[in-house]
Amino acid sequence: MEFEINSYKPGKIICVGMNYKSHISEQDGRFPDKPVLFCKANSCIIKDGNDIIYPAGVNELDYEVELAVIIGKSMKNIKPEDAGNYIYGYTIINDVTARDLQKTEGQWFRAKSFDTFGPVGPKIIPGDEIKDPQNLNLKSFVNGELRQDSNTNDMIFKVYDLISFISFSMTLEAGDLIATGTPAGVGLFMKKKSLLEPGDEIICEIENIGKLINKVIRLQ
């Protein structure tokens, strides 16, 4: 099965929270013993160049640059050393989040699943072209200002370990997307809280993949 970014829509979007040491450090410093998993609805997916809609009733909108893994074939109970054989490719996801809802509702699904809260792109890089997913620089910019600047070697749970861990819970199928977490620098935890506003442009960049560019708008 082949996937083209402009028509790509994952079956499942499985996200990993609290997976960068730097992101833990900018919060409460409590490192998880096992991967923290949550989901986003696949209806939130948009592509490079599409607008992120700032929803009515949301007051704190944030960005998160993340390396995304696309599964290439059905897998279940796969060891970490074999996980690479099941990767179709890599792309970028911006895990857009309504922070105020995330904080007040006690669960993350709705806060991360509004329509347009899952920009993905700009392209899918075949798995065999990324020689080491644990050595990729990743950055985010808001209106040209550098916000996040890290490397995937800062992950607590590595890509192959994450895929294996998830596969022992559920069958992963071709097209499923795993978002592997975000580093420090999100708007909520900056020294001066700096969340997204209508009109902002967000660039999420990962080495060897490219730049995912989206603007925030508010519908009238």
N, C-alpha and C. Protein backbone atom coordinates (compact mmCIF):
# COMPACT_ATOMS: atom_id res chain seq x y z
N MET A 1 0.85 -1.19 0.00
CA MET A 1 0.00 0.00 0.00
C MET A 1 0.88 1.24 0.00
N GLU A 2 0.51 2.21 -0.85
CA GLU A 2 1.27 3.45 -0.93
C GLU A 2 0.42 4.61 -0.45
N PHE A 3 1.07 5.60 0.15
CA PHE A 3 0.38 6.77 0.68
C PHE A 3 0.98 8.02 0.07
N GLU A 4 0.11 8.92 -0.38
CA GLU A 4 0.52 10.21 -0.92
C GLU A 4 0.01 11.30 0.01
N ILE A 5 0.85 12.24 0.36
CA ILE A 5 0.54 13.16 1.45
C ILE A 5 -0.76 13.93 1.22
N ASN A 6 -1.07 14.31 -0.01
CA ASN A 6 -2.25 15.13 -0.24
C ASN A 6 -3.56 14.38 -0.03
N SER A 7 -3.51 13.05 -0.12
CA SER A 7 -4.72 12.25 0.10
C SER A 7 -4.63 11.40 1.36
N TYR A 8 -3.55 11.55 2.09
CA TYR A 8 -3.31 10.69 3.25
C TYR A 8 -4.23 11.06 4.41
N LYS A 9 -4.88 10.04 4.97
CA LYS A 9 -5.68 10.20 6.18
C LYS A 9 -5.50 8.94 7.02
N PRO A 10 -4.85 9.06 8.16
CA PRO A 10 -4.56 7.88 8.97
C PRO A 10 -5.82 7.25 9.55
N GLY A 11 -5.76 5.93 9.74
CA GLY A 11 -6.86 5.25 10.42
C GLY A 11 -6.88 5.59 11.88
N LYS A 12 -5.72 5.44 12.54
CA LYS A 12 -5.56 5.82 13.94
C LYS A 12 -4.44 6.84 14.06
N ILE A 13 -4.63 7.80 14.97
CA ILE A 13 -3.57 8.73 15.32
C ILE A 13 -3.27 8.49 16.80
N ILE A 14 -2.13 7.88 17.06
CA ILE A 14 -1.72 7.55 18.42
C ILE A 14 -0.58 8.48 18.80
N CYS A 15 -0.76 9.24 19.85
CA CYS A 15 0.21 10.26 20.24
C CYS A 15 0.90 9.88 21.54
N VAL A 16 2.10 10.36 21.68
CA VAL A 16 2.90 10.10 22.87
C VAL A 16 3.13 11.42 23.59
N GLY A 17 2.69 11.48 24.85
CA GLY A 17 2.90 12.68 25.64
C GLY A 17 4.12 12.56 26.54
N MET A 18 4.66 13.69 26.92
CA MET A 18 5.75 13.72 27.90
C MET A 18 6.93 12.84 27.48
N ASN A 19 7.37 12.98 26.22
CA ASN A 19 8.40 12.05 25.72
C ASN A 19 9.73 12.71 25.42
N TYR A 20 9.89 14.00 25.72
CA TYR A 20 11.19 14.64 25.58
C TYR A 20 11.67 15.11 26.95
N LYS A 21 12.91 14.83 27.24
CA LYS A 21 13.46 15.24 28.54
C LYS A 21 13.31 16.74 28.75
N SER A 22 13.55 17.52 27.70
CA SER A 22 13.47 18.97 27.83
C SER A 22 12.04 19.43 28.11
N HIS A 23 11.07 18.75 27.52
CA HIS A 23 9.66 19.11 27.73
C HIS A 23 9.22 18.77 29.15
N ILE A 24 9.74 17.66 29.68
CA ILE A 24 9.47 17.32 31.08
C ILE A 24 10.07 18.38 32.00
N SER A 25 11.30 18.78 31.69
CA SER A 25 12.01 19.73 32.56
C SER A 25 11.34 21.10 32.60
N GLU A 26 10.69 21.50 31.49
CA GLU A 26 10.04 22.81 31.49
C GLU A 26 8.69 22.77 32.21
N GLN A 27 8.26 21.55 32.61
CA GLN A 27 7.02 21.41 33.35
C GLN A 27 7.32 21.06 34.82
N ASP A 28 6.92 19.86 35.24
CA ASP A 28 7.06 19.52 36.66
C ASP A 28 8.22 18.57 36.95
N GLY A 29 8.93 18.13 35.92
CA GLY A 29 10.10 17.30 36.14
C GLY A 29 9.83 15.85 36.47
N ARG A 30 8.58 15.39 36.36
CA ARG A 30 8.24 14.00 36.67
C ARG A 30 8.30 13.16 35.40
N PHE A 31 9.28 12.27 35.33
CA PHE A 31 9.47 11.45 34.14
C PHE A 31 8.57 10.21 34.21
N PRO A 32 7.88 9.87 33.13
CA PRO A 32 7.00 8.71 33.13
C PRO A 32 7.79 7.40 33.10
N ASP A 33 7.23 6.36 33.73
CA ASP A 33 7.86 5.04 33.71
C ASP A 33 7.57 4.31 32.40
N LYS A 34 6.42 4.60 31.80
CA LYS A 34 6.02 3.99 30.53
C LYS A 34 5.48 5.10 29.63
N PRO A 35 5.44 4.85 28.32
CA PRO A 35 4.92 5.88 27.42
C PRO A 35 3.51 6.31 27.79
N VAL A 36 3.27 7.61 27.72
CA VAL A 36 1.95 8.18 27.96
C VAL A 36 1.26 8.31 26.60
N LEU A 37 0.18 7.57 26.40
CA LEU A 37 -0.49 7.53 25.10
C LEU A 37 -1.84 8.23 25.14
N PHE A 38 -2.17 8.88 24.04
CA PHE A 38 -3.51 9.43 23.85
C PHE A 38 -3.77 9.46 22.35
N CYS A 39 -4.98 9.80 21.96
CA CYS A 39 -5.35 9.80 20.54
C CYS A 39 -5.83 11.17 20.10
N LYS A 40 -5.72 11.41 18.81
CA LYS A 40 -6.39 12.52 18.15
C LYS A 40 -7.36 11.92 17.13
N ALA A 41 -8.48 12.58 16.91
CA ALA A 41 -9.42 12.13 15.88
C ALA A 41 -8.82 12.36 14.50
N ASN A 42 -9.01 11.41 13.59
CA ASN A 42 -8.40 11.59 12.26
C ASN A 42 -9.08 12.68 11.44
N SER A 43 -10.23 13.16 11.90
CA SER A 43 -10.90 14.26 11.23
C SER A 43 -10.20 15.60 11.45
N CYS A 44 -9.18 15.62 12.33
CA CYS A 44 -8.44 16.87 12.58
C CYS A 44 -7.35 17.12 11.55
N ILE A 45 -7.08 16.15 10.68
CA ILE A 45 -5.94 16.25 9.77
C ILE A 45 -6.15 17.33 8.70
N ILE A 46 -5.13 18.18 8.56
CA ILE A 46 -5.02 19.09 7.43
C ILE A 46 -3.62 18.97 6.87
N LYS A 47 -3.35 19.64 5.77
CA LYS A 47 -2.06 19.52 5.10
C LYS A 47 -1.27 20.83 5.16
N ASP A 48 -0.06 20.76 4.67
CA ASP A 48 0.80 21.93 4.55
C ASP A 48 0.07 23.02 3.78
N GLY A 49 0.05 24.23 4.34
CA GLY A 49 -0.60 25.36 3.67
C GLY A 49 -2.05 25.57 4.05
N ASN A 50 -2.69 24.57 4.65
CA ASN A 50 -4.07 24.73 5.11
C ASN A 50 -4.09 25.55 6.40
N ASP A 51 -5.23 26.17 6.67
CA ASP A 51 -5.35 27.02 7.85
C ASP A 51 -5.78 26.22 9.08
N ILE A 52 -5.21 26.59 10.22
CA ILE A 52 -5.65 26.10 11.53
C ILE A 52 -6.75 27.04 12.02
N ILE A 53 -7.91 26.48 12.32
CA ILE A 53 -9.03 27.31 12.76
C ILE A 53 -9.01 27.44 14.27
N TYR A 54 -9.00 28.69 14.74
CA TYR A 54 -9.06 28.98 16.18
C TYR A 54 -10.53 28.87 16.60
N PRO A 55 -10.90 27.83 17.37
CA PRO A 55 -12.32 27.60 17.62
C PRO A 55 -12.92 28.59 18.62
N ALA A 56 -14.20 28.84 18.46
CA ALA A 56 -14.93 29.59 19.47
C ALA A 56 -14.94 28.80 20.76
N GLY A 57 -14.79 29.48 21.89
CA GLY A 57 -14.79 28.81 23.18
C GLY A 57 -13.43 28.34 23.64
N VAL A 58 -12.40 28.53 22.81
CA VAL A 58 -11.02 28.19 23.17
C VAL A 58 -10.26 29.49 23.41
N ASN A 59 -9.46 29.50 24.46
CA ASN A 59 -8.73 30.73 24.81
C ASN A 59 -7.21 30.56 24.84
N GLU A 60 -6.74 29.32 24.79
CA GLU A 60 -5.29 29.07 24.85
C GLU A 60 -4.93 28.03 23.80
N LEU A 61 -4.46 28.48 22.66
CA LEU A 61 -4.13 27.60 21.54
C LEU A 61 -2.61 27.47 21.43
N ASP A 62 -2.14 26.24 21.30
CA ASP A 62 -0.69 25.99 21.33
C ASP A 62 -0.29 25.08 20.17
N TYR A 63 1.01 25.03 19.93
CA TYR A 63 1.64 24.26 18.85
C TYR A 63 2.58 23.23 19.46
N GLU A 64 2.86 22.15 18.71
CA GLU A 64 3.84 21.14 19.13
C GLU A 64 4.42 20.48 17.88
N VAL A 65 5.68 20.72 17.57
CA VAL A 65 6.32 20.03 16.46
C VAL A 65 6.65 18.60 16.89
N GLU A 66 6.32 17.63 16.02
CA GLU A 66 6.57 16.23 16.36
C GLU A 66 6.95 15.42 15.12
N LEU A 67 7.87 14.49 15.32
CA LEU A 67 8.17 13.49 14.30
C LEU A 67 7.01 12.49 14.28
N ALA A 68 6.46 12.25 13.10
CA ALA A 68 5.36 11.30 12.94
C ALA A 68 5.83 10.08 12.15
N VAL A 69 5.44 8.91 12.62
CA VAL A 69 5.77 7.64 11.97
C VAL A 69 4.50 7.08 11.34
N ILE A 70 4.59 6.69 10.08
CA ILE A 70 3.45 6.07 9.40
C ILE A 70 3.72 4.58 9.25
N ILE A 71 2.80 3.77 9.75
CA ILE A 71 2.93 2.32 9.69
C ILE A 71 2.63 1.83 8.28
N GLY A 72 3.41 0.85 7.82
CA GLY A 72 3.29 0.37 6.44
C GLY A 72 2.51 -0.91 6.27
N LYS A 73 2.42 -1.72 7.32
CA LYS A 73 1.68 -2.98 7.22
C LYS A 73 1.26 -3.42 8.61
N SER A 74 0.25 -4.26 8.64
CA SER A 74 -0.33 -4.69 9.91
C SER A 74 0.73 -5.34 10.80
N MET A 75 0.68 -5.00 12.08
CA MET A 75 1.67 -5.52 13.01
C MET A 75 1.05 -5.71 14.39
N LYS A 76 1.53 -6.71 15.10
CA LYS A 76 1.04 -7.01 16.44
C LYS A 76 2.13 -7.74 17.20
N ASN A 77 2.39 -7.30 18.45
CA ASN A 77 3.38 -7.95 19.31
C ASN A 77 4.76 -8.03 18.65
N ILE A 78 5.23 -6.89 18.18
CA ILE A 78 6.50 -6.81 17.46
C ILE A 78 7.60 -6.31 18.39
N LYS A 79 8.74 -6.96 18.38
CA LYS A 79 9.87 -6.55 19.20
C LYS A 79 10.49 -5.26 18.63
N PRO A 80 11.11 -4.46 19.50
CA PRO A 80 11.70 -3.20 19.03
C PRO A 80 12.69 -3.39 17.88
N GLU A 81 13.48 -4.43 17.94
CA GLU A 81 14.49 -4.63 16.89
C GLU A 81 13.89 -4.95 15.53
N ASP A 82 12.61 -5.30 15.51
CA ASP A 82 11.93 -5.61 14.25
C ASP A 82 11.00 -4.49 13.80
N ALA A 83 10.84 -3.45 14.61
CA ALA A 83 9.84 -2.42 14.33
C ALA A 83 10.12 -1.66 13.04
N GLY A 84 11.39 -1.47 12.72
CA GLY A 84 11.72 -0.74 11.51
C GLY A 84 11.18 -1.37 10.25
N ASN A 85 10.95 -2.68 10.27
CA ASN A 85 10.43 -3.37 9.09
C ASN A 85 8.97 -3.03 8.81
N TYR A 86 8.31 -2.36 9.75
CA TYR A 86 6.90 -2.06 9.60
C TYR A 86 6.63 -0.57 9.38
N ILE A 87 7.68 0.20 9.22
CA ILE A 87 7.53 1.65 9.02
C ILE A 87 7.43 1.95 7.52
N TYR A 88 6.35 2.60 7.14
CA TYR A 88 6.22 3.05 5.76
C TYR A 88 7.04 4.31 5.52
N GLY A 89 6.93 5.25 6.45
CA GLY A 89 7.65 6.49 6.26
C GLY A 89 7.51 7.42 7.45
N TYR A 90 8.11 8.59 7.29
CA TYR A 90 8.12 9.61 8.33
C TYR A 90 7.60 10.92 7.76
N THR A 91 6.93 11.69 8.61
CA THR A 91 6.49 13.02 8.23
C THR A 91 6.49 13.88 9.49
N ILE A 92 5.91 15.07 9.40
CA ILE A 92 5.80 16.00 10.53
C ILE A 92 4.34 16.14 10.90
N ILE A 93 4.04 16.20 12.18
CA ILE A 93 2.72 16.58 12.65
C ILE A 93 2.87 17.72 13.65
N ASN A 94 1.97 18.68 13.55
CA ASN A 94 1.86 19.76 14.54
C ASN A 94 0.67 19.39 15.43
N ASP A 95 0.95 18.99 16.65
CA ASP A 95 -0.09 18.56 17.58
C ASP A 95 -0.73 19.79 18.23
N VAL A 96 -1.56 20.46 17.46
CA VAL A 96 -2.22 21.68 17.95
C VAL A 96 -3.15 21.31 19.12
N THR A 97 -3.13 22.16 20.15
CA THR A 97 -3.81 21.82 21.40
C THR A 97 -4.51 23.04 22.00
N ALA A 98 -5.75 22.81 22.45
CA ALA A 98 -6.45 23.83 23.23
C ALA A 98 -6.05 23.63 24.69
N ARG A 99 -5.06 24.39 25.16
CA ARG A 99 -4.49 24.15 26.48
C ARG A 99 -5.50 24.37 27.60
N ASP A 100 -6.37 25.34 27.45
CA ASP A 100 -7.33 25.59 28.52
C ASP A 100 -8.28 24.41 28.70
N LEU A 101 -8.68 23.79 27.61
CA LEU A 101 -9.55 22.61 27.72
C LEU A 101 -8.77 21.41 28.23
N GLN A 102 -7.53 21.28 27.79
CA GLN A 102 -6.69 20.18 28.26
C GLN A 102 -6.53 20.24 29.79
N LYS A 103 -6.39 21.45 30.32
CA LYS A 103 -6.18 21.60 31.75
C LYS A 103 -7.46 21.40 32.55
N THR A 104 -8.61 21.82 32.03
CA THR A 104 -9.83 21.84 32.83
C THR A 104 -10.70 20.60 32.69
N GLU A 105 -10.50 19.83 31.61
CA GLU A 105 -11.43 18.73 31.34
C GLU A 105 -10.93 17.37 31.81
N GLY A 106 -9.68 17.27 32.23
CA GLY A 106 -9.20 16.02 32.80
C GLY A 106 -8.86 14.94 31.79
N GLN A 107 -8.99 15.23 30.52
CA GLN A 107 -8.57 14.30 29.46
C GLN A 107 -8.13 15.16 28.27
N TRP A 108 -7.39 14.55 27.35
CA TRP A 108 -6.76 15.34 26.30
C TRP A 108 -7.44 15.21 24.94
N PHE A 109 -8.31 14.25 24.76
CA PHE A 109 -8.80 13.90 23.43
C PHE A 109 -9.49 15.09 22.75
N ARG A 110 -10.45 15.71 23.42
CA ARG A 110 -11.18 16.81 22.79
C ARG A 110 -10.27 18.01 22.54
N ALA A 111 -9.40 18.31 23.50
CA ALA A 111 -8.52 19.47 23.38
C ALA A 111 -7.57 19.36 22.20
N LYS A 112 -7.33 18.14 21.72
CA LYS A 112 -6.38 17.92 20.65
C LYS A 112 -7.03 17.45 19.35
N SER A 113 -8.37 17.41 19.32
CA SER A 113 -9.05 16.80 18.17
C SER A 113 -10.00 17.73 17.43
N PHE A 114 -10.00 19.02 17.75
CA PHE A 114 -10.82 19.93 16.97
C PHE A 114 -10.42 19.84 15.49
N ASP A 115 -11.37 20.09 14.62
CA ASP A 115 -11.05 20.15 13.20
C ASP A 115 -9.87 21.10 12.98
N THR A 116 -8.92 20.67 12.17
CA THR A 116 -7.70 21.39 11.76
C THR A 116 -6.59 21.33 12.79
N PHE A 117 -6.76 20.58 13.89
CA PHE A 117 -5.74 20.51 14.93
C PHE A 117 -4.66 19.47 14.65
N GLY A 118 -4.60 18.96 13.41
CA GLY A 118 -3.57 17.98 13.08
C GLY A 118 -2.89 18.24 11.74
N PRO A 119 -2.20 19.37 11.59
CA PRO A 119 -1.45 19.58 10.34
C PRO A 119 -0.38 18.49 10.16
N VAL A 120 -0.31 17.92 8.96
CA VAL A 120 0.64 16.86 8.63
C VAL A 120 1.29 17.18 7.29
N GLY A 121 2.61 16.96 7.19
CA GLY A 121 3.29 17.18 5.93
C GLY A 121 4.71 17.69 6.18
N PRO A 122 5.37 18.29 5.18
CA PRO A 122 4.84 18.59 3.86
C PRO A 122 4.87 17.40 2.90
N LYS A 123 5.58 16.34 3.30
CA LYS A 123 5.68 15.13 2.47
C LYS A 123 5.96 13.95 3.37
N ILE A 124 5.87 12.78 2.79
CA ILE A 124 6.21 11.54 3.49
C ILE A 124 7.56 11.05 2.97
N ILE A 125 8.50 10.87 3.88
CA ILE A 125 9.82 10.36 3.52
C ILE A 125 9.84 8.86 3.77
N PRO A 126 10.17 8.04 2.76
CA PRO A 126 10.20 6.59 2.97
C PRO A 126 11.07 6.19 4.16
N GLY A 127 10.64 5.17 4.86
CA GLY A 127 11.33 4.76 6.08
C GLY A 127 12.80 4.47 5.89
N ASP A 128 13.16 3.87 4.75
CA ASP A 128 14.56 3.50 4.56
C ASP A 128 15.45 4.69 4.21
N GLU A 129 14.85 5.87 4.01
CA GLU A 129 15.64 7.07 3.73
C GLU A 129 16.00 7.83 5.00
N ILE A 130 15.39 7.48 6.11
CA ILE A 130 15.75 8.05 7.41
C ILE A 130 16.59 7.01 8.13
N LYS A 131 17.90 7.17 8.07
CA LYS A 131 18.80 6.15 8.58
C LYS A 131 18.75 6.02 10.09
N ASP A 132 18.56 7.14 10.77
CA ASP A 132 18.52 7.11 12.23
C ASP A 132 17.45 8.08 12.72
N PRO A 133 16.25 7.59 13.05
CA PRO A 133 15.19 8.49 13.51
C PRO A 133 15.50 9.13 14.86
N GLN A 134 16.55 8.66 15.53
CA GLN A 134 16.93 9.23 16.83
C GLN A 134 18.04 10.26 16.70
N ASN A 135 18.22 10.80 15.51
CA ASN A 135 19.21 11.87 15.33
C ASN A 135 18.72 12.84 14.27
N LEU A 136 17.56 13.44 14.54
CA LEU A 136 16.96 14.41 13.62
C LEU A 136 16.73 15.71 14.37
N ASN A 137 17.22 16.81 13.83
CA ASN A 137 16.93 18.10 14.42
C ASN A 137 15.48 18.49 14.12
N LEU A 138 14.81 19.06 15.11
CA LEU A 138 13.45 19.54 14.88
C LEU A 138 13.27 20.90 15.54
N LYS A 139 12.50 21.77 14.84
CA LYS A 139 12.32 23.14 15.28
C LYS A 139 10.90 23.59 14.99
N SER A 140 10.47 24.59 15.73
CA SER A 140 9.23 25.28 15.37
C SER A 140 9.47 26.78 15.46
N PHE A 141 8.74 27.51 14.61
CA PHE A 141 8.81 28.96 14.56
C PHE A 141 7.40 29.53 14.56
N VAL A 142 7.18 30.62 15.27
CA VAL A 142 5.92 31.35 15.22
C VAL A 142 6.23 32.76 14.74
N ASN A 143 5.68 33.10 13.58
CA ASN A 143 5.94 34.41 12.96
C ASN A 143 7.44 34.67 12.84
N GLY A 144 8.18 33.62 12.50
CA GLY A 144 9.61 33.73 12.29
C GLY A 144 10.46 33.60 13.53
N GLU A 145 9.84 33.60 14.71
CA GLU A 145 10.59 33.50 15.97
C GLU A 145 10.80 32.03 16.32
N LEU A 146 12.04 31.63 16.55
CA LEU A 146 12.34 30.27 16.93
C LEU A 146 11.76 29.97 18.30
N ARG A 147 10.94 28.91 18.38
CA ARG A 147 10.32 28.54 19.65
C ARG A 147 10.87 27.21 20.19
N GLN A 148 10.93 26.20 19.32
CA GLN A 148 11.45 24.89 19.73
C GLN A 148 12.69 24.57 18.90
N ASP A 149 13.68 24.01 19.55
CA ASP A 149 14.95 23.71 18.87
C ASP A 149 15.58 22.53 19.60
N SER A 150 15.45 21.34 19.04
CA SER A 150 15.90 20.14 19.75
C SER A 150 16.31 19.07 18.74
N ASN A 151 16.49 17.88 19.24
CA ASN A 151 16.86 16.73 18.42
C ASN A 151 16.11 15.51 18.96
N THR A 152 15.77 14.60 18.08
CA THR A 152 15.03 13.41 18.52
C THR A 152 15.83 12.52 19.46
N ASN A 153 17.13 12.78 19.61
CA ASN A 153 17.90 12.00 20.58
C ASN A 153 17.53 12.37 22.02
N ASP A 154 16.68 13.39 22.19
CA ASP A 154 16.22 13.78 23.52
C ASP A 154 14.97 13.00 23.95
N MET A 155 14.47 12.12 23.08
CA MET A 155 13.30 11.32 23.44
C MET A 155 13.61 10.40 24.63
N ILE A 156 12.65 10.25 25.51
CA ILE A 156 12.76 9.29 26.60
C ILE A 156 12.53 7.88 26.08
N PHE A 157 11.45 7.69 25.33
CA PHE A 157 11.13 6.40 24.72
C PHE A 157 11.38 6.53 23.22
N LYS A 158 12.26 5.72 22.68
CA LYS A 158 12.71 5.84 21.31
C LYS A 158 11.66 5.31 20.34
N VAL A 159 11.81 5.68 19.06
CA VAL A 159 10.81 5.38 18.05
C VAL A 159 10.48 3.89 17.98
N TYR A 160 11.49 3.05 17.85
CA TYR A 160 11.23 1.61 17.72
C TYR A 160 10.61 1.03 18.99
N ASP A 161 11.03 1.54 20.14
CA ASP A 161 10.46 1.08 21.41
C ASP A 161 8.99 1.49 21.51
N LEU A 162 8.67 2.68 21.04
CA LEU A 162 7.28 3.14 21.07
C LEU A 162 6.39 2.26 20.19
N ILE A 163 6.86 1.98 18.97
CA ILE A 163 6.07 1.17 18.06
C ILE A 163 5.83 -0.21 18.66
N SER A 164 6.86 -0.80 19.22
CA SER A 164 6.73 -2.12 19.85
C SER A 164 5.75 -2.06 21.01
N PHE A 165 5.90 -1.07 21.89
CA PHE A 165 5.03 -0.93 23.06
C PHE A 165 3.57 -0.84 22.65
N ILE A 166 3.29 -0.03 21.65
CA ILE A 166 1.91 0.13 21.20
C ILE A 166 1.39 -1.16 20.58
N SER A 167 2.25 -1.86 19.83
CA SER A 167 1.81 -3.08 19.14
C SER A 167 1.46 -4.20 20.11
N PHE A 168 1.96 -4.14 21.33
CA PHE A 168 1.59 -5.15 22.32
C PHE A 168 0.25 -4.82 22.98
N SER A 169 -0.30 -3.65 22.68
CA SER A 169 -1.62 -3.28 23.17
C SER A 169 -2.69 -3.44 22.10
N MET A 170 -2.35 -3.14 20.88
CA MET A 170 -3.34 -3.14 19.80
C MET A 170 -2.66 -3.44 18.48
N THR A 171 -3.43 -3.91 17.54
CA THR A 171 -2.91 -4.14 16.19
C THR A 171 -2.73 -2.78 15.51
N LEU A 172 -1.54 -2.54 15.02
CA LEU A 172 -1.28 -1.36 14.20
C LEU A 172 -1.46 -1.75 12.74
N GLU A 173 -2.13 -0.90 11.99
CA GLU A 173 -2.49 -1.20 10.61
C GLU A 173 -1.85 -0.21 9.66
N ALA A 174 -1.75 -0.60 8.40
CA ALA A 174 -1.17 0.27 7.39
C ALA A 174 -1.87 1.62 7.37
N GLY A 175 -1.09 2.68 7.45
CA GLY A 175 -1.62 4.02 7.44
C GLY A 175 -1.75 4.66 8.81
N ASP A 176 -1.72 3.86 9.87
CA ASP A 176 -1.77 4.43 11.21
C ASP A 176 -0.59 5.37 11.43
N LEU A 177 -0.82 6.43 12.19
CA LEU A 177 0.21 7.42 12.46
C LEU A 177 0.52 7.46 13.95
N ILE A 178 1.80 7.46 14.27
CA ILE A 178 2.26 7.61 15.65
C ILE A 178 3.01 8.94 15.76
N ALA A 179 2.50 9.84 16.60
CA ALA A 179 3.16 11.11 16.88
C ALA A 179 4.03 10.92 18.12
N THR A 180 5.32 11.18 18.00
CA THR A 180 6.29 10.68 18.98
C THR A 180 6.64 11.66 20.09
N GLY A 181 5.93 12.78 20.20
CA GLY A 181 6.17 13.71 21.30
C GLY A 181 6.86 14.98 20.84
N THR A 182 6.86 15.97 21.73
CA THR A 182 7.39 17.29 21.39
C THR A 182 8.42 17.74 22.42
N PRO A 183 9.42 18.51 21.99
CA PRO A 183 10.43 19.03 22.93
C PRO A 183 9.98 20.32 23.61
N ALA A 184 10.86 20.86 24.43
CA ALA A 184 10.59 22.12 25.13
C ALA A 184 10.37 23.25 24.14
N GLY A 185 9.66 24.28 24.62
CA GLY A 185 9.47 25.48 23.82
C GLY A 185 8.05 25.74 23.39
N VAL A 186 7.10 24.92 23.85
CA VAL A 186 5.71 25.20 23.52
C VAL A 186 5.29 26.49 24.19
N GLY A 187 4.25 27.12 23.65
CA GLY A 187 3.87 28.45 24.11
C GLY A 187 3.47 28.51 25.56
N LEU A 188 2.81 27.47 26.05
CA LEU A 188 2.29 27.48 27.41
C LEU A 188 3.39 27.61 28.45
N PHE A 189 4.56 27.01 28.17
CA PHE A 189 5.60 26.92 29.20
C PHE A 189 6.78 27.85 28.97
N MET A 190 6.62 28.79 28.03
CA MET A 190 7.66 29.80 27.89
C MET A 190 7.67 30.71 29.11
N LYS A 191 8.82 31.33 29.39
CA LYS A 191 8.92 32.21 30.56
C LYS A 191 7.82 33.26 30.54
N LYS A 192 7.57 33.82 29.37
CA LYS A 192 6.40 34.67 29.17
C LYS A 192 5.46 33.90 28.26
N LYS A 193 4.39 33.35 28.83
CA LYS A 193 3.47 32.50 28.07
C LYS A 193 3.12 33.15 26.75
N SER A 194 3.30 32.41 25.66
CA SER A 194 3.16 32.98 24.33
C SER A 194 2.39 32.00 23.45
N LEU A 195 1.08 32.05 23.54
CA LEU A 195 0.21 31.13 22.81
C LEU A 195 -0.16 31.71 21.45
N LEU A 196 -0.79 30.89 20.64
CA LEU A 196 -1.11 31.29 19.28
C LEU A 196 -2.29 32.26 19.25
N GLU A 197 -2.25 33.14 18.25
CA GLU A 197 -3.33 34.09 18.02
C GLU A 197 -3.72 34.04 16.54
N PRO A 198 -4.96 34.43 16.21
CA PRO A 198 -5.33 34.51 14.80
C PRO A 198 -4.35 35.39 14.03
N GLY A 199 -3.96 34.92 12.87
CA GLY A 199 -2.99 35.62 12.04
C GLY A 199 -1.58 35.09 12.16
N ASP A 200 -1.30 34.30 13.21
CA ASP A 200 0.04 33.73 13.38
C ASP A 200 0.35 32.69 12.32
N GLU A 201 1.61 32.61 11.95
CA GLU A 201 2.10 31.57 11.06
C GLU A 201 3.03 30.65 11.85
N ILE A 202 2.78 29.35 11.76
CA ILE A 202 3.59 28.36 12.47
C ILE A 202 4.35 27.53 11.44
N ILE A 203 5.65 27.41 11.64
CA ILE A 203 6.49 26.54 10.82
C ILE A 203 7.03 25.44 11.72
N CYS A 204 6.77 24.21 11.34
CA CYS A 204 7.36 23.05 12.01
C CYS A 204 8.35 22.42 11.05
N GLU A 205 9.58 22.27 11.49
CA GLU A 205 10.66 21.82 10.61
C GLU A 205 11.38 20.64 11.23
N ILE A 206 11.59 19.59 10.43
CA ILE A 206 12.39 18.45 10.87
C ILE A 206 13.40 18.12 9.78
N GLU A 207 14.62 17.93 10.22
CA GLU A 207 15.74 17.60 9.32
C GLU A 207 15.38 16.42 8.42
N ASN A 208 15.70 16.55 7.14
CA ASN A 208 15.50 15.52 6.11
C ASN A 208 14.03 15.30 5.75
N ILE A 209 13.12 16.07 6.34
CA ILE A 209 11.71 15.95 5.97
C ILE A 209 11.20 17.25 5.35
N GLY A 210 11.50 18.39 5.97
CA GLY A 210 11.10 19.66 5.38
C GLY A 210 10.41 20.56 6.37
N LYS A 211 9.58 21.48 5.84
CA LYS A 211 8.89 22.47 6.66
C LYS A 211 7.38 22.35 6.44
N LEU A 212 6.66 22.26 7.54
CA LEU A 212 5.20 22.24 7.55
C LEU A 212 4.74 23.63 7.97
N ILE A 213 4.02 24.33 7.09
CA ILE A 213 3.67 25.72 7.32
C ILE A 213 2.15 25.89 7.32
N ASN A 214 1.64 26.48 8.39
CA ASN A 214 0.20 26.72 8.51
C ASN A 214 -0.04 28.05 9.20
N LYS A 215 -1.16 28.68 8.91
CA LYS A 215 -1.56 29.92 9.56
C LYS A 215 -2.81 29.67 10.41
N VAL A 216 -2.94 30.50 11.44
CA VAL A 216 -4.10 30.44 12.32
C VAL A 216 -5.12 31.47 11.88
N ILE A 217 -6.38 31.05 11.75
CA ILE A 217 -7.45 31.98 11.42
C ILE A 217 -8.59 31.78 12.40
N ARG A 218 -9.42 32.78 12.55
CA ARG A 218 -10.65 32.65 13.32
C ARG A 218 -11.82 32.90 12.36
N LEU A 219 -12.72 31.95 12.30
CA LEU A 219 -13.87 32.10 11.42
C LEU A 219 -14.84 33.14 11.99
N GLN A 220 -15.40 33.94 11.10
CA GLN A 220 -16.35 34.97 11.53
C GLN A 220 -17.73 34.36 11.76
